[in-house]
Every structure is written in structure tokens, then in C-alpha cells.
PDB file of N, CA and C in Angstrom:
ATOM      1  N   MET A   1     190.083 263.666 141.186  1.00  0.00           N
ATOM      2  CA  MET A   1     189.081 263.081 140.351  1.00  0.00           C
ATOM      3  C   MET A   1     188.714 261.695 140.884  1.00  0.00           C
ATOM      4  N   HIS A   2     187.457 261.388 140.978  1.00  0.00           N
ATOM      5  CA  HIS A   2     186.982 260.119 141.504  1.00  0.00           C
ATOM      6  C   HIS A   2     187.233 258.982 140.518  1.00  0.00           C
ATOM      7  N   GLY A   3     186.993 259.171 139.241  1.00  0.00           N
ATOM      8  CA  GLY A   3     187.350 258.229 138.207  1.00  0.00           C
ATOM      9  C   GLY A   3     186.582 256.903 138.164  1.00  0.00           C
ATOM     10  N   GLY A   4     185.416 256.857 138.776  1.00  0.00           N
ATOM     11  CA  GLY A   4     184.662 255.622 138.742  1.00  0.00           C
ATOM     12  C   GLY A   4     183.203 255.830 139.113  1.00  0.00           C
ATOM     13  N   LEU A   5     182.517 254.734 139.292  1.00  0.00           N
ATOM     14  CA  LEU A   5     181.111 254.754 139.656  1.00  0.00           C
ATOM     15  C   LEU A   5     180.937 253.888 140.905  1.00  0.00           C
ATOM     16  N   ASP A   6     180.248 254.405 141.903  1.00  0.00           N
ATOM     17  CA  ASP A   6     180.037 253.658 143.155  1.00  0.00           C
ATOM     18  C   ASP A   6     178.641 253.068 143.185  1.00  0.00           C
ATOM     19  N   PHE A   7     178.587 251.791 143.518  1.00  0.00           N
ATOM     20  CA  PHE A   7     177.326 251.068 143.675  1.00  0.00           C
ATOM     21  C   PHE A   7     177.146 250.736 145.164  1.00  0.00           C
ATOM     22  N   ASP A   8     176.099 251.231 145.777  1.00  0.00           N
ATOM     23  CA  ASP A   8     175.817 250.986 147.193  1.00  0.00           C
ATOM     24  C   ASP A   8     174.934 249.758 147.277  1.00  0.00           C
ATOM     25  N   ALA A   9     175.569 248.603 147.170  1.00  0.00           N
ATOM     26  CA  ALA A   9     174.809 247.339 147.102  1.00  0.00           C
ATOM     27  C   ALA A   9     174.716 246.625 148.452  1.00  0.00           C
ATOM     28  N   GLY A  10     175.500 247.033 149.397  1.00  0.00           N
ATOM     29  CA  GLY A  10     175.506 246.361 150.701  1.00  0.00           C
ATOM     30  C   GLY A  10     176.564 245.291 150.771  1.00  0.00           C
ATOM     31  N   GLU A  11     177.200 245.151 151.931  1.00  0.00           N
ATOM     32  CA  GLU A  11     178.267 244.197 152.100  1.00  0.00           C
ATOM     33  C   GLU A  11     177.813 242.767 151.805  1.00  0.00           C
ATOM     34  N   GLY A  12     178.634 242.061 151.071  1.00  0.00           N
ATOM     35  CA  GLY A  12     178.344 240.689 150.721  1.00  0.00           C
ATOM     36  C   GLY A  12     177.603 240.472 149.424  1.00  0.00           C
ATOM     37  N   TYR A  13     177.122 241.555 148.813  1.00  0.00           N
ATOM     38  CA  TYR A  13     176.378 241.424 147.555  1.00  0.00           C
ATOM     39  C   TYR A  13     177.319 240.869 146.479  1.00  0.00           C
ATOM     40  N   PRO A  14     176.834 239.919 145.668  1.00  0.00           N
ATOM     41  CA  PRO A  14     177.691 239.301 144.639  1.00  0.00           C
ATOM     42  C   PRO A  14     177.996 240.246 143.482  1.00  0.00           C
ATOM     43  N   ILE A  15     179.227 240.200 143.005  1.00  0.00           N
ATOM     44  CA  ILE A  15     179.687 241.007 141.862  1.00  0.00           C
ATOM     45  C   ILE A  15     179.972 240.071 140.697  1.00  0.00           C
ATOM     46  N   GLN A  16     179.522 240.459 139.522  1.00  0.00           N
ATOM     47  CA  GLN A  16     179.734 239.652 138.319  1.00  0.00           C
ATOM     48  C   GLN A  16     180.600 240.398 137.323  1.00  0.00           C
ATOM     49  N   VAL A  17     181.324 239.622 136.509  1.00  0.00           N
ATOM     50  CA  VAL A  17     182.172 240.151 135.463  1.00  0.00           C
ATOM     51  C   VAL A  17     181.319 240.778 134.357  1.00  0.00           C
ATOM     52  N   ILE A  18     181.730 241.947 133.821  1.00  0.00           N
ATOM     53  CA  ILE A  18     180.926 242.671 132.837  1.00  0.00           C
ATOM     54  C   ILE A  18     181.048 242.108 131.423  1.00  0.00           C
ATOM     55  N   ALA A  19     182.144 241.404 131.127  1.00  0.00           N
ATOM     56  CA  ALA A  19     182.358 240.855 129.773  1.00  0.00           C
ATOM     57  C   ALA A  19     183.440 239.799 129.842  1.00  0.00           C
ATOM     58  N   ASP A  20     183.508 238.937 128.824  1.00  0.00           N
ATOM     59  CA  ASP A  20     184.590 237.968 128.756  1.00  0.00           C
ATOM     60  C   ASP A  20     185.919 238.683 128.806  1.00  0.00           C
ATOM     61  N   GLY A  21     186.905 238.072 129.452  1.00  0.00           N
ATOM     62  CA  GLY A  21     188.205 238.694 129.540  1.00  0.00           C
ATOM     63  C   GLY A  21     189.222 237.846 130.287  1.00  0.00           C
ATOM     64  N   VAL A  22     190.328 238.479 130.653  1.00  0.00           N
ATOM     65  CA  VAL A  22     191.404 237.823 131.395  1.00  0.00           C
ATOM     66  C   VAL A  22     191.734 238.651 132.629  1.00  0.00           C
ATOM     67  N   VAL A  23     191.832 238.015 133.776  1.00  0.00           N
ATOM     68  CA  VAL A  23     192.191 238.692 135.031  1.00  0.00           C
ATOM     69  C   VAL A  23     193.666 239.070 134.961  1.00  0.00           C
ATOM     70  N   THR A  24     193.957 240.382 135.099  1.00  0.00           N
ATOM     71  CA  THR A  24     195.327 240.866 135.017  1.00  0.00           C
ATOM     72  C   THR A  24     195.907 241.277 136.358  1.00  0.00           C
ATOM     73  N   LYS A  25     195.060 241.530 137.358  1.00  0.00           N
ATOM     74  CA  LYS A  25     195.575 241.930 138.672  1.00  0.00           C
ATOM     75  C   LYS A  25     194.556 241.520 139.749  1.00  0.00           C
ATOM     76  N   VAL A  26     195.079 240.888 140.794  1.00  0.00           N
ATOM     77  CA  VAL A  26     194.284 240.591 141.992  1.00  0.00           C
ATOM     78  C   VAL A  26     195.033 241.135 143.188  1.00  0.00           C
ATOM     79  N   GLN A  27     194.410 242.034 143.923  1.00  0.00           N
ATOM     80  CA  GLN A  27     195.003 242.577 145.160  1.00  0.00           C
ATOM     81  C   GLN A  27     194.145 242.028 146.302  1.00  0.00           C
ATOM     82  N   PRO A  28     194.568 240.884 146.908  1.00  0.00           N
ATOM     83  CA  PRO A  28     193.729 240.228 147.893  1.00  0.00           C
ATOM     84  C   PRO A  28     193.831 240.793 149.325  1.00  0.00           C
ATOM     85  N   LEU A  29     194.808 241.642 149.554  1.00  0.00           N
ATOM     86  CA  LEU A  29     195.034 242.164 150.914  1.00  0.00           C
ATOM     87  C   LEU A  29     194.520 243.566 151.064  1.00  0.00           C
ATOM     88  N   ASP A  30     193.924 243.860 152.198  1.00  0.00           N
ATOM     89  CA  ASP A  30     193.436 245.203 152.479  1.00  0.00           C
ATOM     90  C   ASP A  30     194.538 246.004 153.118  1.00  0.00           C
ATOM     91  N   ASP A  31     194.971 247.028 152.415  1.00  0.00           N
ATOM     92  CA  ASP A  31     196.029 247.899 152.941  1.00  0.00           C
ATOM     93  C   ASP A  31     195.468 249.093 153.729  1.00  0.00           C
ATOM     94  N   ASN A  32     194.163 249.121 153.916  1.00  0.00           N
ATOM     95  CA  ASN A  32     193.461 250.167 154.674  1.00  0.00           C
ATOM     96  C   ASN A  32     193.593 251.560 154.045  1.00  0.00           C
ATOM     97  N   TRP A  33     193.932 251.643 152.788  1.00  0.00           N
ATOM     98  CA  TRP A  33     193.920 252.935 152.079  1.00  0.00           C
ATOM     99  C   TRP A  33     193.604 252.637 150.612  1.00  0.00           C
ATOM    100  N   GLY A  34     193.336 253.640 149.868  1.00  0.00           N
ATOM    101  CA  GLY A  34     193.103 253.463 148.442  1.00  0.00           C
ATOM    102  C   GLY A  34     191.921 252.542 148.156  1.00  0.00           C
ATOM    103  N   ASP A  35     192.145 251.631 147.199  1.00  0.00           N
ATOM    104  CA  ASP A  35     191.056 250.781 146.709  1.00  0.00           C
ATOM    105  C   ASP A  35     190.901 249.487 147.464  1.00  0.00           C
ATOM    106  N   GLY A  36     191.742 249.266 148.469  1.00  0.00           N
ATOM    107  CA  GLY A  36     191.631 248.052 149.280  1.00  0.00           C
ATOM    108  C   GLY A  36     191.811 246.806 148.458  1.00  0.00           C
ATOM    109  N   VAL A  37     190.948 245.827 148.659  1.00  0.00           N
ATOM    110  CA  VAL A  37     190.964 244.580 147.920  1.00  0.00           C
ATOM    111  C   VAL A  37     190.314 244.849 146.549  1.00  0.00           C
ATOM    112  N   TYR A  38     191.022 244.518 145.452  1.00  0.00           N
ATOM    113  CA  TYR A  38     190.459 244.806 144.131  1.00  0.00           C
ATOM    114  C   TYR A  38     190.901 243.777 143.087  1.00  0.00           C
ATOM    115  N   VAL A  39     190.200 243.796 141.946  1.00  0.00           N
ATOM    116  CA  VAL A  39     190.503 242.941 140.780  1.00  0.00           C
ATOM    117  C   VAL A  39     190.444 243.806 139.545  1.00  0.00           C
ATOM    118  N   GLU A  40     191.405 243.552 138.613  1.00  0.00           N
ATOM    119  CA  GLU A  40     191.380 244.189 137.304  1.00  0.00           C
ATOM    120  C   GLU A  40     191.270 243.098 136.226  1.00  0.00           C
ATOM    121  N   ILE A  41     190.445 243.352 135.217  1.00  0.00           N
ATOM    122  CA  ILE A  41     190.230 242.428 134.120  1.00  0.00           C
ATOM    123  C   ILE A  41     190.353 243.180 132.802  1.00  0.00           C
ATOM    124  N   THR A  42     191.072 242.584 131.827  1.00  0.00           N
ATOM    125  CA  THR A  42     191.146 243.160 130.494  1.00  0.00           C
ATOM    126  C   THR A  42     190.137 242.448 129.583  1.00  0.00           C
ATOM    127  N   HIS A  43     189.550 243.214 128.689  1.00  0.00           N
ATOM    128  CA  HIS A  43     188.515 242.735 127.782  1.00  0.00           C
ATOM    129  C   HIS A  43     188.761 243.318 126.403  1.00  0.00           C
ATOM    130  N   ASN A  44     188.218 242.687 125.390  1.00  0.00           N
ATOM    131  CA  ASN A  44     188.116 243.254 124.056  1.00  0.00           C
ATOM    132  C   ASN A  44     186.613 243.331 123.763  1.00  0.00           C
ATOM    133  N   VAL A  45     186.102 244.554 123.742  1.00  0.00           N
ATOM    134  CA  VAL A  45     184.673 244.771 123.546  1.00  0.00           C
ATOM    135  C   VAL A  45     184.475 245.671 122.333  1.00  0.00           C
ATOM    136  N   ASN A  46     183.828 245.152 121.343  1.00  0.00           N
ATOM    137  CA  ASN A  46     183.560 245.930 120.089  1.00  0.00           C
ATOM    138  C   ASN A  46     184.849 246.530 119.524  1.00  0.00           C
ATOM    139  N   GLY A  47     185.937 245.760 119.591  1.00  0.00           N
ATOM    140  CA  GLY A  47     187.213 246.218 119.055  1.00  0.00           C
ATOM    141  C   GLY A  47     188.014 247.159 119.960  1.00  0.00           C
ATOM    142  N   GLN A  48     187.470 247.435 121.132  1.00  0.00           N
ATOM    143  CA  GLN A  48     188.147 248.328 122.083  1.00  0.00           C
ATOM    144  C   GLN A  48     188.868 247.502 123.152  1.00  0.00           C
ATOM    145  N   SER A  49     190.057 247.960 123.522  1.00  0.00           N
ATOM    146  CA  SER A  49     190.784 247.373 124.662  1.00  0.00           C
ATOM    147  C   SER A  49     190.244 247.997 125.943  1.00  0.00           C
ATOM    148  N   ILE A  50     189.650 247.181 126.792  1.00  0.00           N
ATOM    149  CA  ILE A  50     188.961 247.661 127.996  1.00  0.00           C
ATOM    150  C   ILE A  50     189.632 247.063 129.238  1.00  0.00           C
ATOM    151  N   LEU A  51     189.751 247.879 130.267  1.00  0.00           N
ATOM    152  CA  LEU A  51     190.169 247.391 131.590  1.00  0.00           C
ATOM    153  C   LEU A  51     189.024 247.710 132.528  1.00  0.00           C
ATOM    154  N   SER A  52     188.491 246.688 133.188  1.00  0.00           N
ATOM    155  CA  SER A  52     187.479 246.928 134.213  1.00  0.00           C
ATOM    156  C   SER A  52     188.143 246.715 135.566  1.00  0.00           C
ATOM    157  N   ARG A  53     187.775 247.546 136.538  1.00  0.00           N
ATOM    158  CA  ARG A  53     188.389 247.512 137.858  1.00  0.00           C
ATOM    159  C   ARG A  53     187.301 247.494 138.901  1.00  0.00           C
ATOM    160  N   TYR A  54     187.349 246.541 139.799  1.00  0.00           N
ATOM    161  CA  TYR A  54     186.345 246.311 140.854  1.00  0.00           C
ATOM    162  C   TYR A  54     187.026 246.484 142.193  1.00  0.00           C
ATOM    163  N   CYS A  55     186.638 247.491 142.997  1.00  0.00           N
ATOM    164  CA  CYS A  55     187.393 247.866 144.184  1.00  0.00           C
ATOM    165  C   CYS A  55     186.548 247.824 145.460  1.00  0.00           C
ATOM    166  N   HIS A  56     187.245 247.786 146.593  1.00  0.00           N
ATOM    167  CA  HIS A  56     186.687 247.743 147.945  1.00  0.00           C
ATOM    168  C   HIS A  56     185.989 246.392 148.215  1.00  0.00           C
ATOM    169  N   LEU A  57     186.505 245.324 147.589  1.00  0.00           N
ATOM    170  CA  LEU A  57     185.890 244.002 147.706  1.00  0.00           C
ATOM    171  C   LEU A  57     186.026 243.425 149.087  1.00  0.00           C
ATOM    172  N   LEU A  58     185.117 242.560 149.452  1.00  0.00           N
ATOM    173  CA  LEU A  58     185.139 241.866 150.730  1.00  0.00           C
ATOM    174  C   LEU A  58     186.369 240.967 150.780  1.00  0.00           C
ATOM    175  N   ALA A  59     187.222 241.140 151.799  1.00  0.00           N
ATOM    176  CA  ALA A  59     188.412 240.342 151.933  1.00  0.00           C
ATOM    177  C   ALA A  59     188.063 238.858 151.979  1.00  0.00           C
ATOM    178  N   GLY A  60     188.771 238.053 151.221  1.00  0.00           N
ATOM    179  CA  GLY A  60     188.548 236.617 151.178  1.00  0.00           C
ATOM    180  C   GLY A  60     187.451 236.167 150.218  1.00  0.00           C
ATOM    181  N   SER A  61     186.828 237.106 149.496  1.00  0.00           N
ATOM    182  CA  SER A  61     185.699 236.736 148.644  1.00  0.00           C
ATOM    183  C   SER A  61     186.072 236.554 147.149  1.00  0.00           C
ATOM    184  N   ILE A  62     187.277 236.913 146.788  1.00  0.00           N
ATOM    185  CA  ILE A  62     187.675 236.835 145.376  1.00  0.00           C
ATOM    186  C   ILE A  62     187.742 235.385 144.922  1.00  0.00           C
ATOM    187  N   THR A  63     187.141 235.086 143.782  1.00  0.00           N
ATOM    188  CA  THR A  63     187.092 233.712 143.294  1.00  0.00           C
ATOM    189  C   THR A  63     187.911 233.481 142.025  1.00  0.00           C
ATOM    190  N   VAL A  64     188.667 234.483 141.613  1.00  0.00           N
ATOM    191  CA  VAL A  64     189.496 234.355 140.401  1.00  0.00           C
ATOM    192  C   VAL A  64     190.939 234.589 140.717  1.00  0.00           C
ATOM    193  N   SER A  65     191.817 234.269 139.760  1.00  0.00           N
ATOM    194  CA  SER A  65     193.256 234.472 139.978  1.00  0.00           C
ATOM    195  C   SER A  65     193.844 235.113 138.715  1.00  0.00           C
ATOM    196  N   GLU A  66     195.010 235.740 138.865  1.00  0.00           N
ATOM    197  CA  GLU A  66     195.674 236.389 137.738  1.00  0.00           C
ATOM    198  C   GLU A  66     195.956 235.399 136.641  1.00  0.00           C
ATOM    199  N   GLY A  67     195.667 235.841 135.404  1.00  0.00           N
ATOM    200  CA  GLY A  67     195.865 234.984 134.232  1.00  0.00           C
ATOM    201  C   GLY A  67     194.664 234.136 133.858  1.00  0.00           C
ATOM    202  N   GLN A  68     193.680 234.107 134.724  1.00  0.00           N
ATOM    203  CA  GLN A  68     192.489 233.283 134.491  1.00  0.00           C
ATOM    204  C   GLN A  68     191.551 233.944 133.462  1.00  0.00           C
ATOM    205  N   SER A  69     191.034 233.157 132.543  1.00  0.00           N
ATOM    206  CA  SER A  69     190.008 233.632 131.628  1.00  0.00           C
ATOM    207  C   SER A  69     188.674 233.617 132.374  1.00  0.00           C
ATOM    208  N   VAL A  70     187.870 234.674 132.164  1.00  0.00           N
ATOM    209  CA  VAL A  70     186.578 234.778 132.816  1.00  0.00           C
ATOM    210  C   VAL A  70     185.516 235.067 131.792  1.00  0.00           C
ATOM    211  N   SER A  71     184.289 234.741 132.150  1.00  0.00           N
ATOM    212  CA  SER A  71     183.129 234.930 131.232  1.00  0.00           C
ATOM    213  C   SER A  71     182.167 235.954 131.785  1.00  0.00           C
ATOM    214  N   VAL A  72     181.436 236.605 130.886  1.00  0.00           N
ATOM    215  CA  VAL A  72     180.414 237.572 131.280  1.00  0.00           C
ATOM    216  C   VAL A  72     179.485 236.930 132.296  1.00  0.00           C
ATOM    217  N   ALA A  73     179.143 237.669 133.321  1.00  0.00           N
ATOM    218  CA  ALA A  73     178.230 237.274 134.401  1.00  0.00           C
ATOM    219  C   ALA A  73     178.828 236.286 135.377  1.00  0.00           C
ATOM    220  N   GLN A  74     180.101 235.901 135.205  1.00  0.00           N
ATOM    221  CA  GLN A  74     180.755 235.002 136.158  1.00  0.00           C
ATOM    222  C   GLN A  74     180.904 235.680 137.493  1.00  0.00           C
ATOM    223  N   PHE A  75     180.659 234.926 138.593  1.00  0.00           N
ATOM    224  CA  PHE A  75     180.845 235.454 139.952  1.00  0.00           C
ATOM    225  C   PHE A  75     182.302 235.792 140.166  1.00  0.00           C
ATOM    226  N   LEU A  76     182.573 237.003 140.648  1.00  0.00           N
ATOM    227  CA  LEU A  76     183.923 237.493 140.825  1.00  0.00           C
ATOM    228  C   LEU A  76     184.310 237.637 142.296  1.00  0.00           C
ATOM    229  N   ALA A  77     183.442 238.254 143.073  1.00  0.00           N
ATOM    230  CA  ALA A  77     183.736 238.548 144.478  1.00  0.00           C
ATOM    231  C   ALA A  77     182.462 239.117 145.095  1.00  0.00           C
ATOM    232  N   GLN A  78     182.596 239.620 146.337  1.00  0.00           N
ATOM    233  CA  GLN A  78     181.498 240.255 147.027  1.00  0.00           C
ATOM    234  C   GLN A  78     181.843 241.698 147.387  1.00  0.00           C
ATOM    235  N   VAL A  79     180.809 242.521 147.464  1.00  0.00           N
ATOM    236  CA  VAL A  79     180.973 243.902 147.888  1.00  0.00           C
ATOM    237  C   VAL A  79     181.526 243.941 149.315  1.00  0.00           C
ATOM    238  N   GLY A  80     182.458 244.840 149.544  1.00  0.00           N
ATOM    239  CA  GLY A  80     183.041 244.987 150.882  1.00  0.00           C
ATOM    240  C   GLY A  80     183.272 246.438 151.223  1.00  0.00           C
ATOM    241  N   ALA A  81     184.105 246.660 152.228  1.00  0.00           N
ATOM    242  CA  ALA A  81     184.412 248.008 152.693  1.00  0.00           C
ATOM    243  C   ALA A  81     185.917 248.121 152.976  1.00  0.00           C
ATOM    244  N   THR A  82     186.725 247.491 152.111  1.00  0.00           N
ATOM    245  CA  THR A  82     188.180 247.550 152.309  1.00  0.00           C
ATOM    246  C   THR A  82     188.769 248.817 151.701  1.00  0.00           C
ATOM    247  N   GLY A  83     189.922 249.209 152.189  1.00  0.00           N
ATOM    248  CA  GLY A  83     190.565 250.410 151.675  1.00  0.00           C
ATOM    249  C   GLY A  83     189.975 251.679 152.306  1.00  0.00           C
ATOM    250  N   ALA A  84     190.157 252.790 151.579  1.00  0.00           N
ATOM    251  CA  ALA A  84     189.692 254.075 152.061  1.00  0.00           C
ATOM    252  C   ALA A  84     188.223 254.250 151.703  1.00  0.00           C
ATOM    253  N   THR A  85     187.367 253.886 152.632  1.00  0.00           N
ATOM    254  CA  THR A  85     185.912 253.991 152.405  1.00  0.00           C
ATOM    255  C   THR A  85     185.217 254.176 153.722  1.00  0.00           C
ATOM    256  N   THR A  86     184.027 254.765 153.652  1.00  0.00           N
ATOM    257  CA  THR A  86     183.232 254.948 154.876  1.00  0.00           C
ATOM    258  C   THR A  86     182.147 253.914 155.013  1.00  0.00           C
ATOM    259  N   GLY A  87     182.043 253.009 154.036  1.00  0.00           N
ATOM    260  CA  GLY A  87     181.014 251.960 154.088  1.00  0.00           C
ATOM    261  C   GLY A  87     181.145 251.016 152.906  1.00  0.00           C
ATOM    262  N   ALA A  88     180.417 249.923 153.000  1.00  0.00           N
ATOM    263  CA  ALA A  88     180.471 248.914 151.938  1.00  0.00           C
ATOM    264  C   ALA A  88     179.879 249.443 150.638  1.00  0.00           C
ATOM    265  N   HIS A  89     180.619 249.275 149.572  1.00  0.00           N
ATOM    266  CA  HIS A  89     180.145 249.611 148.222  1.00  0.00           C
ATOM    267  C   HIS A  89     181.130 249.073 147.189  1.00  0.00           C
ATOM    268  N   LEU A  90     180.693 248.972 145.955  1.00  0.00           N
ATOM    269  CA  LEU A  90     181.594 248.633 144.845  1.00  0.00           C
ATOM    270  C   LEU A  90     181.996 249.908 144.133  1.00  0.00           C
ATOM    271  N   HIS A  91     183.288 250.163 144.088  1.00  0.00           N
ATOM    272  CA  HIS A  91     183.834 251.231 143.243  1.00  0.00           C
ATOM    273  C   HIS A  91     184.241 250.552 141.932  1.00  0.00           C
ATOM    274  N   PHE A  92     183.616 250.984 140.825  1.00  0.00           N
ATOM    275  CA  PHE A  92     183.807 250.327 139.543  1.00  0.00           C
ATOM    276  C   PHE A  92     184.374 251.342 138.553  1.00  0.00           C
ATOM    277  N   GLU A  93     185.449 250.939 137.864  1.00  0.00           N
ATOM    278  CA  GLU A  93     186.090 251.772 136.867  1.00  0.00           C
ATOM    279  C   GLU A  93     186.132 251.082 135.516  1.00  0.00           C
ATOM    280  N   ILE A  94     186.107 251.884 134.457  1.00  0.00           N
ATOM    281  CA  ILE A  94     186.329 251.415 133.069  1.00  0.00           C
ATOM    282  C   ILE A  94     187.418 252.295 132.477  1.00  0.00           C
ATOM    283  N   HIS A  95     188.414 251.653 131.856  1.00  0.00           N
ATOM    284  CA  HIS A  95     189.461 252.337 131.117  1.00  0.00           C
ATOM    285  C   HIS A  95     189.425 251.819 129.684  1.00  0.00           C
ATOM    286  N   VAL A  96     189.282 252.734 128.730  1.00  0.00           N
ATOM    287  CA  VAL A  96     189.211 252.385 127.302  1.00  0.00           C
ATOM    288  C   VAL A  96     190.543 252.791 126.664  1.00  0.00           C
ATOM    289  N   ASN A  97     191.213 251.806 126.078  1.00  0.00           N
ATOM    290  CA  ASN A  97     192.488 252.056 125.423  1.00  0.00           C
ATOM    291  C   ASN A  97     193.429 252.834 126.366  1.00  0.00           C
ATOM    292  N   GLY A  98     193.402 252.525 127.657  1.00  0.00           N
ATOM    293  CA  GLY A  98     194.308 253.125 128.627  1.00  0.00           C
ATOM    294  C   GLY A  98     193.803 254.402 129.301  1.00  0.00           C
ATOM    295  N   SER A  99     192.669 254.935 128.859  1.00  0.00           N
ATOM    296  CA  SER A  99     192.158 256.181 129.425  1.00  0.00           C
ATOM    297  C   SER A  99     190.881 255.902 130.225  1.00  0.00           C
ATOM    298  N   SER A 100     190.826 256.524 131.406  1.00  0.00           N
ATOM    299  CA  SER A 100     189.650 256.391 132.255  1.00  0.00           C
ATOM    300  C   SER A 100     188.454 257.029 131.549  1.00  0.00           C
ATOM    301  N   THR A 101     187.316 256.354 131.669  1.00  0.00           N
ATOM    302  CA  THR A 101     186.096 256.852 131.056  1.00  0.00           C
ATOM    303  C   THR A 101     184.912 256.688 132.055  1.00  0.00           C
ATOM    304  N   ASN A 102     183.849 257.378 131.807  1.00  0.00           N
ATOM    305  CA  ASN A 102     182.679 257.301 132.683  1.00  0.00           C
ATOM    306  C   ASN A 102     182.048 255.919 132.555  1.00  0.00           C
ATOM    307  N   PRO A 103     182.083 255.092 133.605  1.00  0.00           N
ATOM    308  CA  PRO A 103     181.535 253.743 133.488  1.00  0.00           C
ATOM    309  C   PRO A 103     180.031 253.695 133.129  1.00  0.00           C
ATOM    310  N   TYR A 104     179.281 254.646 133.637  1.00  0.00           N
ATOM    311  CA  TYR A 104     177.866 254.683 133.353  1.00  0.00           C
ATOM    312  C   TYR A 104     177.610 254.854 131.858  1.00  0.00           C
ATOM    313  N   THR A 105     178.286 255.821 131.276  1.00  0.00           N
ATOM    314  CA  THR A 105     178.147 256.092 129.849  1.00  0.00           C
ATOM    315  C   THR A 105     178.587 254.902 129.035  1.00  0.00           C
ATOM    316  N   TRP A 106     179.740 254.330 129.415  1.00  0.00           N
ATOM    317  CA  TRP A 106     180.264 253.185 128.670  1.00  0.00           C
ATOM    318  C   TRP A 106     179.331 252.009 128.732  1.00  0.00           C
ATOM    319  N   LEU A 107     178.779 251.693 129.925  1.00  0.00           N
ATOM    320  CA  LEU A 107     177.858 250.586 130.050  1.00  0.00           C
ATOM    321  C   LEU A 107     176.585 250.792 129.227  1.00  0.00           C
ATOM    322  N   LYS A 108     176.056 252.032 129.259  1.00  0.00           N
ATOM    323  CA  LYS A 108     174.850 252.330 128.450  1.00  0.00           C
ATOM    324  C   LYS A 108     175.086 252.072 126.977  1.00  0.00           C
ATOM    325  N   GLU A 109     176.289 252.404 126.520  1.00  0.00           N
ATOM    326  CA  GLU A 109     176.588 252.273 125.067  1.00  0.00           C
ATOM    327  C   GLU A 109     176.985 250.866 124.674  1.00  0.00           C
ATOM    328  N   ASN A 110     177.471 250.038 125.631  1.00  0.00           N
ATOM    329  CA  ASN A 110     178.060 248.766 125.245  1.00  0.00           C
ATOM    330  C   ASN A 110     177.439 247.541 125.867  1.00  0.00           C
ATOM    331  N   ALA A 111     176.554 247.678 126.849  1.00  0.00           N
ATOM    332  CA  ALA A 111     175.939 246.524 127.485  1.00  0.00           C
ATOM    333  C   ALA A 111     174.840 245.964 126.586  1.00  0.00           C
ATOM    334  N   ASN A 112     174.747 244.657 126.576  1.00  0.00           N
ATOM    335  CA  ASN A 112     173.694 244.003 125.793  1.00  0.00           C
ATOM    336  C   ASN A 112     172.521 243.666 126.698  1.00  0.00           C
TER     337      ASN A 112
END
């Protein structure tokens, strides 16, 4: 299962945080497999516990650190091609109350 949504934005394109939250994981090193360089953020949106995951980020572009509070639309990093990928793109995941969900559907229902 793919478990996310891929955005073909081109290397270096800026990525913004989807909602206010706290950074819970920063993987700054590219291990050349899996999700490569990534960031995870926890949010409370409409009473739901949300985890957003931003993967395949450009190495060296992450501007946040673990434990940091972030705001909606804050610059997070840039699109890259780290990890197991054939080209630059953002792999984006949403987990609601611990379960993976379709990011497209969730964004349509919850984005302002």
C-alpha cells in the first residue's frame, strides 16, 4: 500500500505546514531507501489527533526541529528526491487517530 499522496512539484519547491502543530520527528539524513529525508508533525484539527508526514525532502532544507511549535503555512522544507524515489516529489501522508487515511479526502474535508 502506498499510503500517501504524491505531489510532483519539482525539486526545490517550498513546502508549507498544513495546520498548527508540533514537530515530532525530523529525519535529516538520506538513507537512500524508504522516505529519505522527512518530517512528522502532530496537530489537533477539529478535535482529531492528526499526524502529517512530509517525505523525500531536499537534504539540508528542513527549517524546523523536533519539539518546535509550527503554524499553518509556515515554511517547512523543499521538495527533493531523497530515499527510494525515481524523481523529485513530495510524498505526503495523513494519519487520523493513528490510522492512515487518504490525504486528498482529508484535505478536501478539513482545509479552510
